[in-house]
Amino acid sequence: MAKRKKSVPMADRPGTSECPKCRHVNKTEDARTLQIEMRPVLTKQVFAFPDALAEVSCLRCAACGYWMCLDYRIELDDNPEMDLNPD
């Protein structure tokens, strides 16, 4: 298994966040943190790209339902998959 580099922690979030769509002020205590595994589709132009794990802090506006990203971080795998024969 590949060694992971030390990751940078996500920033502290403020107590409230304004929705960019409707300008409603939301409490960030209701924010969720999701982990998303990212695997790119390899093509002739992009034949090597590392897998990544993204951690996203998101909040849904209580007034209009718009999802906001408060912060994120992406950790790349140190050993990218290489497909030298994409055909």
Protein backbone atom coordinates (compact mmCIF):
# COMPACT_ATOMS: atom_id res chain seq x y z
CA MET A 1 0.00 0.00 0.00
CA ALA A 2 1.25 3.47 -0.89
CA LYS A 3 2.41 5.81 1.85
CA ARG A 4 0.24 8.86 2.32
CA LYS A 5 1.72 12.26 2.95
CA LYS A 6 0.64 14.17 6.04
CA SER A 7 -2.58 15.97 5.22
CA VAL A 8 -3.49 19.54 6.02
CA PRO A 9 -6.52 19.77 8.31
CA MET A 10 -9.57 21.67 7.16
CA ALA A 11 -9.94 25.22 8.44
CA ASP A 12 -12.14 26.08 11.41
CA ARG A 13 -15.50 27.19 10.11
CA PRO A 14 -17.28 30.34 11.25
CA GLY A 15 -20.54 30.12 13.22
CA THR A 16 -22.66 31.23 10.25
CA SER A 17 -22.46 31.24 6.47
CA GLU A 18 -24.48 33.31 3.99
CA CYS A 19 -26.11 31.45 1.10
CA PRO A 20 -24.73 32.77 -2.21
CA LYS A 21 -28.10 32.15 -3.91
CA CYS A 22 -30.68 33.72 -1.55
CA ARG A 23 -28.46 35.47 1.04
CA HIS A 24 -30.07 33.61 3.96
CA VAL A 25 -27.70 33.32 6.95
CA ASN A 26 -27.30 29.66 8.01
CA LYS A 27 -25.74 28.19 11.14
CA THR A 28 -22.73 26.07 10.20
CA GLU A 29 -23.30 23.62 13.06
CA ASP A 30 -25.57 21.72 10.64
CA ALA A 31 -22.75 21.22 8.11
CA ARG A 32 -21.87 17.70 6.98
CA THR A 33 -18.44 16.34 6.15
CA LEU A 34 -18.42 13.81 3.33
CA GLN A 35 -15.59 11.65 2.03
CA ILE A 36 -15.61 11.14 -1.71
CA GLU A 37 -13.37 8.73 -3.57
CA MET A 38 -12.32 10.26 -6.87
CA ARG A 39 -11.23 8.08 -9.78
CA PRO A 40 -10.68 9.87 -13.08
CA VAL A 41 -11.64 8.39 -16.42
CA LEU A 42 -8.43 7.73 -18.33
CA THR A 43 -8.33 8.79 -21.98
CA LYS A 44 -5.67 9.15 -24.69
CA GLN A 45 -5.04 12.71 -23.48
CA VAL A 46 -5.10 11.81 -19.77
CA PHE A 47 -3.39 8.45 -19.47
CA ALA A 48 -2.16 8.79 -15.88
CA PHE A 49 -3.76 10.49 -12.94
CA PRO A 50 -3.65 9.54 -9.26
CA ASP A 51 -6.71 8.33 -7.41
CA ALA A 52 -7.77 10.84 -4.81
CA LEU A 53 -9.82 11.05 -1.65
CA ALA A 54 -11.70 14.31 -1.13
CA GLU A 55 -13.14 15.44 2.17
CA VAL A 56 -15.83 18.09 1.68
CA SER A 57 -17.58 20.16 4.31
CA CYS A 58 -20.97 21.18 2.93
CA LEU A 59 -24.08 22.94 4.20
CA ARG A 60 -27.63 23.05 2.84
CA CYS A 61 -29.39 26.40 2.99
CA ALA A 62 -32.42 26.24 5.30
CA ALA A 63 -34.33 28.76 3.15
CA CYS A 64 -33.80 27.66 -0.47
CA GLY A 65 -32.12 24.22 -0.23
CA TYR A 66 -28.95 25.27 -2.09
CA TRP A 67 -25.87 23.19 -1.17
CA MET A 68 -22.75 25.21 -0.26
CA CYS A 69 -19.17 23.98 0.00
CA LEU A 70 -17.58 25.46 3.12
CA ASP A 71 -14.19 23.81 2.79
CA TYR A 72 -12.52 20.85 1.13
CA ARG A 73 -9.23 19.03 0.92
CA ILE A 74 -7.96 16.49 -1.55
CA GLU A 75 -5.41 13.79 -0.85
CA LEU A 76 -3.75 12.33 -3.95
CA ASP A 77 -2.40 8.80 -4.06
CA ASP A 78 1.39 8.84 -4.46
CA ASN A 79 1.31 6.00 -7.01
CA PRO A 80 -0.88 6.96 -9.99
CA GLU A 81 -2.35 4.23 -12.14
CA MET A 82 -0.73 4.30 -15.54
CA ASP A 83 -2.50 2.86 -18.54
CA LEU A 84 0.14 2.86 -21.26
CA ASN A 85 -2.11 0.95 -23.68
CA PRO A 86 -5.53 2.66 -23.45
CA ASP A 87 -6.92 0.81 -26.47
